[in-house]
Amino acid sequence: MSQPPAGSPEQAPPPVSGRGRDRAQYGMCAFLALAGVLVLADALGTGSATSSNDPIGPRPVPILLGALLLIAAVVYAIDVARGGSGEPEGGEDVDPTSSIDWRTVVLVAIAFGVNAVLIEPLGWVISGSILFWSTAFALGARRHLLTAVVAVALALTTFYGFAIGLGVNLPAGILQGIL
């Protein structure tokens, strides 16, 4: 006899009923509800500042988001009460039993720390290039020259993207007047 195809109803686990439900799902429902209440409370505490350019003011969007969070919490709780549960993730090629690659974690943390220290004196383009290159190295890139070129291009792109696109000036550091 052959196996049913993956994802077919014959292969699905039986629904959980009664006291065997995963209570962590209800914890997530409570978290969503709490977030919704906090967003609503903060939004309702916001003053109604309107102007001719903004006749609506700052309140409607947070009120809408808070209400949507509460609705999502209620719908999710109903689904969990009816026995619904999320599907286990099967799309990624990850071994959940493997250990953490601490070398990579530490190298990336060091890269961010070095960036935080160097961003003011050297500027974003240099410190960002170091950040991008060292992060790529930590994650396994071994074509160092190509990685350096891409890191500099990415740092320049973000520098000018922030400056021109968003009007936010990142530190230029020692390249002040050149960039």
N, C-alpha and C. Protein backbone atom coordinates (compact mmCIF):
# COMPACT_ATOMS: atom_id res chain seq x y z
N MET A 1 0.85 -1.18 0.00
CA MET A 1 0.00 0.00 0.00
C MET A 1 0.89 1.23 0.00
N SER A 2 0.57 2.23 -0.80
CA SER A 2 1.41 3.41 -0.93
C SER A 2 1.01 4.47 0.10
N GLN A 3 1.97 5.37 0.38
CA GLN A 3 1.75 6.47 1.31
C GLN A 3 0.89 7.54 0.64
N PRO A 4 0.00 8.21 1.39
CA PRO A 4 -0.76 9.32 0.81
C PRO A 4 0.19 10.49 0.54
N PRO A 5 -0.13 11.32 -0.46
CA PRO A 5 0.73 12.46 -0.77
C PRO A 5 0.84 13.41 0.41
N ALA A 6 2.00 14.08 0.47
CA ALA A 6 2.24 15.02 1.56
C ALA A 6 1.20 16.13 1.52
N GLY A 7 0.68 16.48 2.69
CA GLY A 7 -0.30 17.55 2.78
C GLY A 7 -1.73 17.10 2.55
N SER A 8 -1.94 15.81 2.25
CA SER A 8 -3.30 15.34 2.01
C SER A 8 -4.00 15.14 3.35
N PRO A 9 -5.34 15.11 3.34
CA PRO A 9 -6.08 14.96 4.60
C PRO A 9 -5.77 13.65 5.33
N GLU A 10 -5.38 12.61 4.57
CA GLU A 10 -5.09 11.32 5.22
C GLU A 10 -3.84 11.41 6.07
N GLN A 11 -2.92 12.33 5.73
CA GLN A 11 -1.66 12.42 6.45
C GLN A 11 -1.71 13.47 7.56
N ALA A 12 -2.73 14.29 7.61
CA ALA A 12 -2.83 15.35 8.61
C ALA A 12 -3.02 14.74 9.99
N PRO A 13 -2.41 15.34 11.03
CA PRO A 13 -2.60 14.81 12.38
C PRO A 13 -4.03 15.04 12.84
N PRO A 14 -4.53 14.17 13.69
CA PRO A 14 -5.90 14.34 14.18
C PRO A 14 -6.01 15.62 14.99
N PRO A 15 -7.19 16.28 14.94
CA PRO A 15 -7.35 17.51 15.72
C PRO A 15 -7.27 17.22 17.20
N VAL A 16 -6.70 18.15 17.91
CA VAL A 16 -6.56 18.02 19.35
C VAL A 16 -7.85 18.52 20.00
N SER A 17 -8.34 17.79 20.97
CA SER A 17 -9.58 18.21 21.61
C SER A 17 -9.43 18.16 23.12
N GLY A 18 -10.33 18.83 23.78
CA GLY A 18 -10.37 18.79 25.23
C GLY A 18 -9.21 19.51 25.88
N ARG A 19 -8.69 18.90 26.97
CA ARG A 19 -7.66 19.54 27.77
C ARG A 19 -6.27 19.40 27.16
N GLY A 20 -6.10 18.70 26.06
CA GLY A 20 -4.80 18.49 25.47
C GLY A 20 -4.33 19.64 24.58
N ARG A 21 -5.12 20.71 24.50
CA ARG A 21 -4.76 21.83 23.64
C ARG A 21 -3.49 22.51 24.12
N ASP A 22 -2.81 23.12 23.18
CA ASP A 22 -1.58 23.85 23.49
C ASP A 22 -1.96 25.20 24.09
N ARG A 23 -1.69 25.38 25.39
CA ARG A 23 -2.07 26.63 26.06
C ARG A 23 -1.21 27.80 25.61
N ALA A 24 -0.08 27.53 24.99
CA ALA A 24 0.76 28.62 24.50
C ALA A 24 0.02 29.41 23.42
N GLN A 25 -0.87 28.76 22.69
CA GLN A 25 -1.67 29.46 21.68
C GLN A 25 -2.55 30.51 22.34
N TYR A 26 -3.11 30.17 23.50
CA TYR A 26 -3.92 31.15 24.23
C TYR A 26 -3.04 32.28 24.78
N GLY A 27 -1.81 31.97 25.12
CA GLY A 27 -0.88 33.01 25.54
C GLY A 27 -0.64 34.02 24.42
N MET A 28 -0.53 33.52 23.20
CA MET A 28 -0.36 34.42 22.06
C MET A 28 -1.62 35.25 21.85
N CYS A 29 -2.78 34.65 22.03
CA CYS A 29 -4.03 35.41 21.94
C CYS A 29 -4.05 36.53 22.99
N ALA A 30 -3.64 36.21 24.20
CA ALA A 30 -3.61 37.21 25.27
C ALA A 30 -2.61 38.32 24.94
N PHE A 31 -1.46 37.94 24.38
CA PHE A 31 -0.47 38.95 23.99
C PHE A 31 -1.03 39.89 22.93
N LEU A 32 -1.71 39.35 21.93
CA LEU A 32 -2.32 40.19 20.89
C LEU A 32 -3.37 41.11 21.48
N ALA A 33 -4.18 40.57 22.38
CA ALA A 33 -5.22 41.40 23.01
C ALA A 33 -4.61 42.50 23.86
N LEU A 34 -3.58 42.17 24.63
CA LEU A 34 -2.91 43.17 25.45
C LEU A 34 -2.28 44.26 24.58
N ALA A 35 -1.64 43.85 23.49
CA ALA A 35 -1.05 44.83 22.57
C ALA A 35 -2.14 45.73 22.00
N GLY A 36 -3.27 45.16 21.63
CA GLY A 36 -4.38 45.94 21.09
C GLY A 36 -4.91 46.94 22.11
N VAL A 37 -5.06 46.51 23.36
CA VAL A 37 -5.55 47.41 24.41
C VAL A 37 -4.55 48.53 24.65
N LEU A 38 -3.25 48.21 24.69
CA LEU A 38 -2.24 49.24 24.91
C LEU A 38 -2.20 50.25 23.75
N VAL A 39 -2.31 49.76 22.53
CA VAL A 39 -2.32 50.68 21.38
C VAL A 39 -3.56 51.56 21.42
N LEU A 40 -4.71 50.98 21.74
CA LEU A 40 -5.93 51.78 21.83
C LEU A 40 -5.85 52.82 22.95
N ALA A 41 -5.34 52.40 24.11
CA ALA A 41 -5.23 53.34 25.24
C ALA A 41 -4.29 54.49 24.88
N ASP A 42 -3.20 54.19 24.24
CA ASP A 42 -2.27 55.24 23.85
C ASP A 42 -2.88 56.15 22.79
N ALA A 43 -3.59 55.56 21.84
CA ALA A 43 -4.21 56.36 20.78
C ALA A 43 -5.30 57.27 21.33
N LEU A 44 -6.09 56.76 22.27
CA LEU A 44 -7.16 57.58 22.83
C LEU A 44 -6.61 58.68 23.74
N GLY A 45 -5.38 58.48 24.25
CA GLY A 45 -4.74 59.51 25.05
C GLY A 45 -4.06 60.58 24.21
N THR A 46 -3.96 60.35 22.91
CA THR A 46 -3.34 61.32 22.02
C THR A 46 -4.31 62.47 21.78
N GLY A 47 -3.78 63.66 21.79
CA GLY A 47 -4.63 64.83 21.54
C GLY A 47 -5.13 64.85 20.10
N SER A 48 -6.17 65.59 19.89
CA SER A 48 -6.74 65.66 18.53
C SER A 48 -6.17 66.88 17.82
N ALA A 49 -4.94 66.75 17.39
CA ALA A 49 -4.28 67.84 16.68
C ALA A 49 -4.59 67.72 15.20
N THR A 50 -5.34 68.66 14.68
CA THR A 50 -5.65 68.67 13.26
C THR A 50 -5.22 70.00 12.67
N SER A 51 -5.05 69.99 11.39
CA SER A 51 -4.70 71.23 10.68
C SER A 51 -5.33 71.17 9.31
N SER A 52 -5.14 72.23 8.55
CA SER A 52 -5.72 72.25 7.21
C SER A 52 -5.05 71.22 6.31
N ASN A 53 -3.78 70.91 6.60
CA ASN A 53 -3.07 69.89 5.81
C ASN A 53 -3.41 68.48 6.24
N ASP A 54 -3.84 68.32 7.50
CA ASP A 54 -4.15 67.00 8.05
C ASP A 54 -5.45 67.09 8.84
N PRO A 55 -6.60 67.06 8.16
CA PRO A 55 -7.86 67.22 8.87
C PRO A 55 -8.22 66.03 9.76
N ILE A 56 -7.61 64.88 9.54
CA ILE A 56 -7.94 63.70 10.33
C ILE A 56 -7.17 63.66 11.64
N GLY A 57 -5.90 64.00 11.61
CA GLY A 57 -5.07 63.98 12.81
C GLY A 57 -4.37 62.65 13.00
N PRO A 58 -3.67 62.49 14.11
CA PRO A 58 -2.85 61.30 14.33
C PRO A 58 -3.57 60.13 14.99
N ARG A 59 -4.84 60.25 15.33
CA ARG A 59 -5.52 59.21 16.10
C ARG A 59 -6.08 58.05 15.30
N PRO A 60 -6.61 58.21 14.10
CA PRO A 60 -7.31 57.10 13.46
C PRO A 60 -6.46 55.87 13.17
N VAL A 61 -5.24 56.04 12.76
CA VAL A 61 -4.42 54.87 12.41
C VAL A 61 -4.13 54.01 13.63
N PRO A 62 -3.67 54.57 14.77
CA PRO A 62 -3.47 53.69 15.93
C PRO A 62 -4.77 53.08 16.45
N ILE A 63 -5.86 53.81 16.36
CA ILE A 63 -7.15 53.24 16.79
C ILE A 63 -7.51 52.06 15.90
N LEU A 64 -7.32 52.21 14.59
CA LEU A 64 -7.60 51.11 13.66
C LEU A 64 -6.69 49.92 13.94
N LEU A 65 -5.40 50.17 14.15
CA LEU A 65 -4.47 49.07 14.43
C LEU A 65 -4.81 48.37 15.75
N GLY A 66 -5.14 49.13 16.78
CA GLY A 66 -5.53 48.53 18.06
C GLY A 66 -6.77 47.67 17.91
N ALA A 67 -7.76 48.18 17.18
CA ALA A 67 -8.98 47.40 16.95
C ALA A 67 -8.68 46.13 16.16
N LEU A 68 -7.82 46.24 15.15
CA LEU A 68 -7.47 45.05 14.36
C LEU A 68 -6.70 44.02 15.20
N LEU A 69 -5.87 44.48 16.10
CA LEU A 69 -5.17 43.56 17.00
C LEU A 69 -6.17 42.82 17.90
N LEU A 70 -7.16 43.55 18.42
CA LEU A 70 -8.18 42.90 19.26
C LEU A 70 -9.01 41.91 18.46
N ILE A 71 -9.37 42.28 17.24
CA ILE A 71 -10.14 41.36 16.38
C ILE A 71 -9.31 40.12 16.07
N ALA A 72 -8.03 40.31 15.76
CA ALA A 72 -7.16 39.16 15.48
C ALA A 72 -7.05 38.25 16.70
N ALA A 73 -6.97 38.84 17.90
CA ALA A 73 -6.87 38.04 19.12
C ALA A 73 -8.13 37.21 19.31
N VAL A 74 -9.30 37.80 19.08
CA VAL A 74 -10.56 37.08 19.26
C VAL A 74 -10.70 35.96 18.22
N VAL A 75 -10.40 36.27 16.96
CA VAL A 75 -10.51 35.26 15.90
C VAL A 75 -9.53 34.12 16.15
N TYR A 76 -8.32 34.46 16.58
CA TYR A 76 -7.31 33.45 16.88
C TYR A 76 -7.76 32.57 18.05
N ALA A 77 -8.32 33.18 19.10
CA ALA A 77 -8.79 32.41 20.26
C ALA A 77 -9.92 31.46 19.86
N ILE A 78 -10.81 31.93 19.01
CA ILE A 78 -11.90 31.06 18.54
C ILE A 78 -11.34 29.88 17.75
N ASP A 79 -10.35 30.16 16.90
CA ASP A 79 -9.73 29.10 16.11
C ASP A 79 -9.04 28.08 17.01
N VAL A 80 -8.34 28.54 18.03
CA VAL A 80 -7.66 27.63 18.95
C VAL A 80 -8.69 26.82 19.73
N ALA A 81 -9.79 27.45 20.15
CA ALA A 81 -10.83 26.74 20.90
C ALA A 81 -11.49 25.66 20.06
N ARG A 82 -11.54 25.87 18.76
CA ARG A 82 -12.13 24.86 17.86
C ARG A 82 -11.13 23.78 17.47
N GLY A 83 -9.91 23.86 18.01
CA GLY A 83 -8.93 22.81 17.73
C GLY A 83 -7.93 23.15 16.65
N GLY A 84 -7.96 24.38 16.16
CA GLY A 84 -7.02 24.78 15.13
C GLY A 84 -5.61 24.91 15.69
N SER A 85 -4.65 24.60 14.85
CA SER A 85 -3.25 24.77 15.24
C SER A 85 -2.45 25.04 13.98
N GLY A 86 -1.32 25.69 14.16
CA GLY A 86 -0.48 26.00 13.03
C GLY A 86 0.22 24.77 12.50
N GLU A 87 0.54 24.80 11.22
CA GLU A 87 1.28 23.70 10.64
C GLU A 87 2.74 23.83 11.01
N PRO A 88 3.40 22.74 11.29
CA PRO A 88 4.84 22.82 11.54
C PRO A 88 5.55 23.29 10.27
N GLU A 89 6.58 24.08 10.48
CA GLU A 89 7.30 24.63 9.34
C GLU A 89 8.07 23.52 8.65
N GLY A 90 7.86 23.39 7.37
CA GLY A 90 8.54 22.34 6.64
C GLY A 90 9.25 22.84 5.41
N GLY A 91 9.18 24.14 5.15
CA GLY A 91 9.73 24.67 3.92
C GLY A 91 11.22 24.95 3.96
N GLU A 92 11.80 25.07 5.14
CA GLU A 92 13.21 25.40 5.23
C GLU A 92 14.04 24.17 5.49
N ASP A 93 15.26 24.22 5.01
CA ASP A 93 16.18 23.11 5.22
C ASP A 93 17.01 23.40 6.45
N VAL A 94 16.38 23.31 7.62
CA VAL A 94 17.03 23.61 8.88
C VAL A 94 16.89 22.41 9.80
N ASP A 95 17.99 22.08 10.45
CA ASP A 95 17.97 20.99 11.41
C ASP A 95 17.75 21.58 12.80
N PRO A 96 16.56 21.42 13.40
CA PRO A 96 16.30 22.02 14.70
C PRO A 96 17.14 21.43 15.83
N THR A 97 17.76 20.28 15.59
CA THR A 97 18.57 19.66 16.63
C THR A 97 20.02 20.13 16.59
N SER A 98 20.39 20.88 15.55
CA SER A 98 21.79 21.34 15.45
C SER A 98 22.05 22.44 16.47
N SER A 99 23.31 22.57 16.84
CA SER A 99 23.67 23.57 17.85
C SER A 99 23.85 24.94 17.20
N ILE A 100 23.92 25.96 18.04
CA ILE A 100 24.08 27.33 17.57
C ILE A 100 25.52 27.53 17.10
N ASP A 101 25.69 28.20 15.98
CA ASP A 101 27.01 28.52 15.47
C ASP A 101 27.50 29.79 16.17
N TRP A 102 28.10 29.63 17.34
CA TRP A 102 28.50 30.77 18.16
C TRP A 102 29.55 31.62 17.49
N ARG A 103 30.39 31.03 16.65
CA ARG A 103 31.42 31.81 15.96
C ARG A 103 30.77 32.88 15.10
N THR A 104 29.76 32.50 14.34
CA THR A 104 29.07 33.46 13.47
C THR A 104 28.36 34.52 14.31
N VAL A 105 27.70 34.10 15.36
CA VAL A 105 26.98 35.05 16.21
C VAL A 105 27.94 36.07 16.81
N VAL A 106 29.07 35.61 17.32
CA VAL A 106 30.05 36.51 17.94
C VAL A 106 30.66 37.44 16.89
N LEU A 107 31.00 36.91 15.71
CA LEU A 107 31.59 37.76 14.66
C LEU A 107 30.62 38.85 14.22
N VAL A 108 29.35 38.52 14.06
CA VAL A 108 28.37 39.54 13.66
C VAL A 108 28.18 40.56 14.79
N ALA A 109 28.15 40.11 16.03
CA ALA A 109 28.03 41.04 17.15
C ALA A 109 29.24 41.97 17.22
N ILE A 110 30.42 41.44 16.99
CA ILE A 110 31.63 42.27 16.97
C ILE A 110 31.55 43.28 15.83
N ALA A 111 31.06 42.85 14.67
CA ALA A 111 30.94 43.76 13.53
C ALA A 111 30.02 44.93 13.86
N PHE A 112 28.91 44.67 14.53
CA PHE A 112 28.00 45.75 14.91
C PHE A 112 28.63 46.65 15.97
N GLY A 113 29.36 46.05 16.91
CA GLY A 113 30.04 46.85 17.92
C GLY A 113 31.10 47.76 17.32
N VAL A 114 31.89 47.23 16.40
CA VAL A 114 32.91 48.03 15.72
C VAL A 114 32.24 49.15 14.93
N ASN A 115 31.12 48.86 14.28
CA ASN A 115 30.40 49.89 13.54
C ASN A 115 29.92 51.00 14.47
N ALA A 116 29.41 50.63 15.62
CA ALA A 116 28.92 51.64 16.58
C ALA A 116 30.05 52.55 17.06
N VAL A 117 31.24 52.00 17.21
CA VAL A 117 32.38 52.79 17.67
C VAL A 117 32.94 53.66 16.55
N LEU A 118 32.96 53.14 15.33
CA LEU A 118 33.63 53.85 14.22
C LEU A 118 32.73 54.78 13.42
N ILE A 119 31.42 54.72 13.60
CA ILE A 119 30.53 55.49 12.73
C ILE A 119 30.74 57.00 12.85
N GLU A 120 30.99 57.50 14.04
CA GLU A 120 31.21 58.95 14.19
C GLU A 120 32.57 59.39 13.66
N PRO A 121 33.68 58.76 14.09
CA PRO A 121 34.97 59.28 13.60
C PRO A 121 35.23 58.99 12.12
N LEU A 122 34.84 57.82 11.62
CA LEU A 122 35.14 57.48 10.23
C LEU A 122 34.00 57.81 9.28
N GLY A 123 32.80 57.87 9.78
CA GLY A 123 31.64 58.12 8.93
C GLY A 123 30.96 56.84 8.51
N TRP A 124 29.73 57.00 8.02
CA TRP A 124 28.92 55.83 7.65
C TRP A 124 29.51 55.04 6.50
N VAL A 125 30.03 55.69 5.50
CA VAL A 125 30.50 54.96 4.32
C VAL A 125 31.62 53.99 4.70
N ILE A 126 32.57 54.44 5.50
CA ILE A 126 33.67 53.56 5.88
C ILE A 126 33.21 52.53 6.91
N SER A 127 32.54 52.98 7.96
CA SER A 127 32.10 52.03 9.00
C SER A 127 31.05 51.08 8.45
N GLY A 128 30.17 51.56 7.59
CA GLY A 128 29.17 50.68 6.97
C GLY A 128 29.81 49.66 6.06
N SER A 129 30.84 50.08 5.33
CA SER A 129 31.55 49.13 4.46
C SER A 129 32.21 48.03 5.29
N ILE A 130 32.81 48.43 6.41
CA ILE A 130 33.42 47.44 7.31
C ILE A 130 32.34 46.52 7.88
N LEU A 131 31.21 47.10 8.26
CA LEU A 131 30.10 46.31 8.80
C LEU A 131 29.60 45.30 7.77
N PHE A 132 29.33 45.76 6.55
CA PHE A 132 28.80 44.86 5.53
C PHE A 132 29.81 43.78 5.16
N TRP A 133 31.09 44.16 5.01
CA TRP A 133 32.10 43.18 4.64
C TRP A 133 32.28 42.14 5.73
N SER A 134 32.41 42.60 6.99
CA SER A 134 32.66 41.65 8.08
C SER A 134 31.45 40.76 8.34
N THR A 135 30.25 41.29 8.15
CA THR A 135 29.06 40.44 8.31
C THR A 135 29.00 39.38 7.21
N ALA A 136 29.30 39.78 5.99
CA ALA A 136 29.33 38.80 4.90
C ALA A 136 30.40 37.74 5.16
N PHE A 137 31.56 38.16 5.67
CA PHE A 137 32.63 37.22 6.00
C PHE A 137 32.15 36.24 7.08
N ALA A 138 31.51 36.76 8.12
CA ALA A 138 31.01 35.91 9.21
C ALA A 138 29.98 34.91 8.71
N LEU A 139 29.21 35.31 7.69
CA LEU A 139 28.18 34.42 7.17
C LEU A 139 28.69 33.48 6.08
N GLY A 140 29.98 33.58 5.76
CA GLY A 140 30.56 32.59 4.87
C GLY A 140 31.09 33.09 3.54
N ALA A 141 31.04 34.37 3.25
CA ALA A 141 31.56 34.87 1.97
C ALA A 141 33.08 34.76 1.97
N ARG A 142 33.65 34.21 0.91
CA ARG A 142 35.09 34.04 0.85
C ARG A 142 35.72 34.70 -0.37
N ARG A 143 34.94 35.41 -1.15
CA ARG A 143 35.49 36.18 -2.26
C ARG A 143 35.67 37.60 -1.75
N HIS A 144 36.80 37.83 -1.07
CA HIS A 144 37.01 39.03 -0.28
C HIS A 144 36.98 40.32 -1.10
N LEU A 145 37.59 40.32 -2.27
CA LEU A 145 37.61 41.55 -3.07
C LEU A 145 36.21 41.90 -3.57
N LEU A 146 35.50 40.92 -4.09
CA LEU A 146 34.13 41.15 -4.56
C LEU A 146 33.24 41.58 -3.40
N THR A 147 33.40 40.96 -2.25
CA THR A 147 32.62 41.33 -1.08
C THR A 147 32.91 42.77 -0.66
N ALA A 148 34.18 43.18 -0.74
CA ALA A 148 34.54 44.56 -0.39
C ALA A 148 33.92 45.56 -1.36
N VAL A 149 33.92 45.24 -2.64
CA VAL A 149 33.32 46.14 -3.64
C VAL A 149 31.82 46.27 -3.39
N VAL A 150 31.16 45.15 -3.14
CA VAL A 150 29.72 45.17 -2.87
C VAL A 150 29.44 45.93 -1.57
N ALA A 151 30.29 45.76 -0.55
CA ALA A 151 30.09 46.45 0.73
C ALA A 151 30.20 47.96 0.55
N VAL A 152 31.20 48.42 -0.20
CA VAL A 152 31.36 49.86 -0.43
C VAL A 152 30.17 50.40 -1.23
N ALA A 153 29.75 49.66 -2.26
CA ALA A 153 28.60 50.09 -3.07
C ALA A 153 27.34 50.16 -2.22
N LEU A 154 27.15 49.18 -1.35
CA LEU A 154 25.97 49.18 -0.49
C LEU A 154 26.01 50.33 0.52
N ALA A 155 27.20 50.60 1.08
CA ALA A 155 27.34 51.71 2.03
C ALA A 155 27.08 53.05 1.34
N LEU A 156 27.62 53.23 0.14
CA LEU A 156 27.38 54.48 -0.60
C LEU A 156 25.91 54.63 -0.98
N THR A 157 25.31 53.53 -1.40
CA THR A 157 23.90 53.57 -1.78
C THR A 157 23.03 53.94 -0.59
N THR A 158 23.29 53.34 0.56
CA THR A 158 22.47 53.68 1.74
C THR A 158 22.76 55.10 2.20
N PHE A 159 24.01 55.55 2.11
CA PHE A 159 24.36 56.92 2.51
C PHE A 159 23.57 57.92 1.68
N TYR A 160 23.61 57.78 0.37
CA TYR A 160 22.90 58.72 -0.49
C TYR A 160 21.39 58.48 -0.49
N GLY A 161 20.98 57.24 -0.28
CA GLY A 161 19.55 56.96 -0.17
C GLY A 161 18.93 57.65 1.03
N PHE A 162 19.63 57.62 2.15
CA PHE A 162 19.14 58.32 3.33
C PHE A 162 19.19 59.83 3.12
N ALA A 163 20.30 60.32 2.56
CA ALA A 163 20.48 61.77 2.40
C ALA A 163 19.50 62.34 1.38
N ILE A 164 19.40 61.74 0.22
CA ILE A 164 18.57 62.29 -0.85
C ILE A 164 17.12 61.82 -0.71
N GLY A 165 16.93 60.53 -0.47
CA GLY A 165 15.58 59.98 -0.43
C GLY A 165 14.80 60.33 0.81
N LEU A 166 15.48 60.32 1.96
CA LEU A 166 14.77 60.55 3.22
C LEU A 166 15.11 61.88 3.88
N GLY A 167 16.15 62.53 3.42
CA GLY A 167 16.55 63.79 4.03
C GLY A 167 17.23 63.61 5.37
N VAL A 168 17.78 62.42 5.62
CA VAL A 168 18.47 62.12 6.87
C VAL A 168 19.97 62.04 6.56
N ASN A 169 20.73 62.90 7.21
CA ASN A 169 22.16 62.90 6.96
C ASN A 169 22.87 61.94 7.89
N LEU A 170 23.48 60.92 7.31
CA LEU A 170 24.31 60.01 8.09
C LEU A 170 25.68 60.66 8.26
N PRO A 171 26.42 60.28 9.32
CA PRO A 171 27.73 60.91 9.53
C PRO A 171 28.68 60.65 8.36
N ALA A 172 29.36 61.70 7.91
CA ALA A 172 30.33 61.56 6.83
C ALA A 172 31.73 61.29 7.37
N GLY A 173 31.99 61.65 8.61
CA GLY A 173 33.28 61.38 9.23
C GLY A 173 34.43 62.03 8.50
N ILE A 174 35.48 61.27 8.24
CA ILE A 174 36.67 61.83 7.59
C ILE A 174 36.43 62.12 6.12
N LEU A 175 35.32 61.69 5.58
CA LEU A 175 34.99 61.97 4.18
C LEU A 175 34.13 63.21 4.04
N GLN A 176 33.97 63.98 5.13
CA GLN A 176 33.19 65.22 5.10
C GLN A 176 33.76 66.13 4.02
N GLY A 177 32.90 66.66 3.17
CA GLY A 177 33.34 67.53 2.08
C GLY A 177 33.64 66.78 0.80
N ILE A 178 33.89 65.47 0.91
CA ILE A 178 34.15 64.66 -0.28
C ILE A 178 32.85 64.05 -0.79
N LEU A 179 32.01 63.62 0.14
CA LEU A 179 30.75 62.97 -0.25
C LEU A 179 29.67 63.98 -0.54
